[in-house]
Protein backbone atom coordinates (compact mmCIF):
# COMPACT_ATOMS: atom_id res chain seq x y z
CA TRP A 1 31.57 -5.18 0.55
CA TYR A 2 34.29 -2.76 -0.05
CA GLN A 3 35.94 -3.62 3.44
CA ARG A 4 35.89 -7.09 3.17
CA ARG A 5 37.71 -6.94 -0.51
CA VAL A 6 40.28 -4.56 1.00
CA ARG A 7 40.93 -6.90 3.82
CA GLY A 8 40.64 -10.04 1.71
CA ASP A 9 38.66 -12.05 4.03
CA ASN A 10 37.36 -14.09 1.51
CA GLY A 11 38.93 -13.22 -1.52
CA ASP A 12 35.53 -12.97 -3.33
CA ALA A 13 33.88 -9.87 -2.98
CA ASP A 14 30.69 -11.03 -5.23
CA HIS A 15 29.79 -13.60 -2.37
CA THR A 16 30.62 -11.73 0.93
CA PRO A 17 28.14 -12.71 3.49
CA LEU A 18 26.63 -9.49 3.28
CA TYR A 19 25.69 -10.07 -0.27
CA SER A 20 24.13 -13.20 0.58
CA ILE A 21 22.15 -11.86 3.56
CA LEU A 22 20.88 -9.31 1.66
CA LEU A 23 19.71 -11.45 -1.07
CA LYS A 24 18.04 -13.99 1.32
CA LYS A 25 16.20 -11.03 2.79
CA GLY A 26 14.73 -9.92 -0.49
CA VAL A 27 16.58 -6.67 -0.10
CA THR A 28 16.45 -4.51 -3.33
CA ASP A 29 17.27 -1.09 -2.54
CA VAL A 30 20.83 -0.27 -0.34
CA VAL A 31 21.04 3.12 1.28
CA VAL A 32 24.84 4.11 1.82
CA VAL A 33 26.30 6.55 4.55
CA GLY A 34 29.40 6.94 6.23
CA ILE A 35 32.63 8.73 6.11
CA ALA A 36 35.32 8.47 3.25
CA THR A 37 32.93 9.27 0.35
CA ASP A 38 35.90 8.92 -2.20
CA TYR A 39 36.67 5.36 -0.47
CA CYS A 40 34.52 3.20 1.76
CA VAL A 41 31.29 5.05 0.64
CA GLY A 42 31.97 5.13 -2.82
CA PHE A 43 33.31 1.58 -3.36
CA THR A 44 30.08 0.39 -1.42
CA ALA A 45 27.71 2.24 -3.69
CA LEU A 46 29.58 1.08 -7.09
CA ASP A 47 29.51 -2.78 -5.35
CA ALA A 48 25.82 -2.41 -4.73
CA ALA A 49 25.04 -1.15 -7.61
CA ARG A 50 27.01 -3.58 -9.48
CA HIS A 51 25.29 -6.22 -7.70
CA GLY A 52 21.78 -4.80 -9.25
CA PHE A 53 20.63 -3.03 -6.38
CA ARG A 54 19.18 0.42 -6.23
CA THR A 55 21.68 1.97 -4.60
CA VAL A 56 21.18 5.60 -2.89
CA VAL A 57 23.82 7.55 -0.90
CA VAL A 58 22.39 10.28 1.30
CA ASN A 59 24.20 13.83 0.66
CA GLU A 60 24.24 15.20 4.14
CA ALA A 61 25.31 11.76 5.60
CA ILE A 62 28.48 11.36 3.79
CA LYS A 63 31.87 13.21 4.18
CA GLY A 64 34.95 13.01 2.05
CA VAL A 65 38.57 12.85 2.65
CA MET A 66 39.41 15.37 -0.11
CA PRO A 67 37.18 17.41 -2.17
CA GLU A 68 39.03 16.29 -5.60
CA THR A 69 38.98 12.51 -5.03
CA SER A 70 35.31 12.74 -3.66
CA GLU A 71 33.78 14.62 -6.64
CA ALA A 72 35.73 12.10 -8.74
CA MET A 73 34.07 9.31 -6.85
CA THR A 74 30.86 10.86 -7.09
CA SER A 75 30.84 11.27 -10.58
CA ARG A 76 32.42 7.65 -10.87
CA CYS A 77 29.03 6.46 -8.80
CA LYS A 78 26.60 8.63 -10.73
CA ALA A 79 27.89 7.02 -13.95
CA ALA A 80 27.36 3.34 -12.50
CA GLY A 81 23.52 4.52 -11.26
CA VAL A 82 23.84 5.33 -7.56
CA GLU A 83 21.42 8.16 -6.74
CA TYR A 84 22.36 10.95 -4.64
CA ILE A 85 19.68 12.32 -2.75
CA SER A 86 19.05 14.86 0.53
CA VAL A 87 17.88 13.43 3.75
CA SER A 88 14.21 14.86 2.87
CA GLU A 89 14.05 12.40 0.27
CA LEU A 90 14.83 9.58 2.38
CA PRO A 91 11.12 8.49 3.88
CA GLY A 92 10.12 8.17 0.17
CA ILE A 93 12.59 5.83 -0.57
CA LEU A 94 13.03 3.60 2.86
CA ARG A 95 10.33 0.76 2.79
CA GLU A 96 10.17 0.61 6.57
CA THR A 97 6.91 1.79 8.35
CA ASP A 98 8.55 3.65 11.04
CA THR A 99 11.67 5.61 9.83
CA SER A 100 11.78 8.05 12.68
CA GLY A 101 14.75 5.95 14.22
CA THR A 102 16.89 5.73 11.00
CA MET A 103 16.17 9.65 10.33
CA ALA A 104 17.15 10.43 13.88
CA ARG A 105 20.33 8.73 13.40
CA LEU A 106 20.84 9.95 9.76
CA LEU A 107 20.02 13.84 11.29
CA SER A 108 22.64 13.14 14.17
CA VAL A 109 25.32 12.50 11.67
CA LYS A 110 24.54 15.46 9.66
CA ASN A 111 24.80 17.84 12.65
CA HIS A 112 28.09 16.03 13.66
CA PHE A 113 29.66 16.75 10.31
CA THR A 114 28.19 20.46 10.66
CA LYS A 115 29.64 20.63 13.75
CA ILE A 116 33.01 19.56 12.29
CA ASP A 117 33.17 21.82 9.48
CA ARG A 118 31.80 24.82 11.53
CA SER A 119 34.97 24.35 13.63
CA ARG A 120 37.55 24.02 10.84
CA GLN A 121 36.63 27.18 9.54
CA ASN A 122 37.37 28.79 13.07
């Protein structure tokens, strides 16, 4: 949602192809991960929540640009009903029968960010 709205592909964030696809598939929950907690992740989560989806952000699979703006966006998302969880809580939320591929990708993202954080500390 966020990327389409910013780029202005169709000028209507309420009816992007993603929204229509999710509705047709009967999706009720959206899990958001990615870079730029304070921008892409946050606005995607806000849009999903606004559309009525149960929206979950995985703490270990996000990274913000600036601590202050990330904290502000997190507060804004929580006020909109977005849930923040740890990666260990994800299997209980996903409705797939086999989450091993999803978990492996999320853990890979977490490990990548851990390496970045360690390199910045040196």
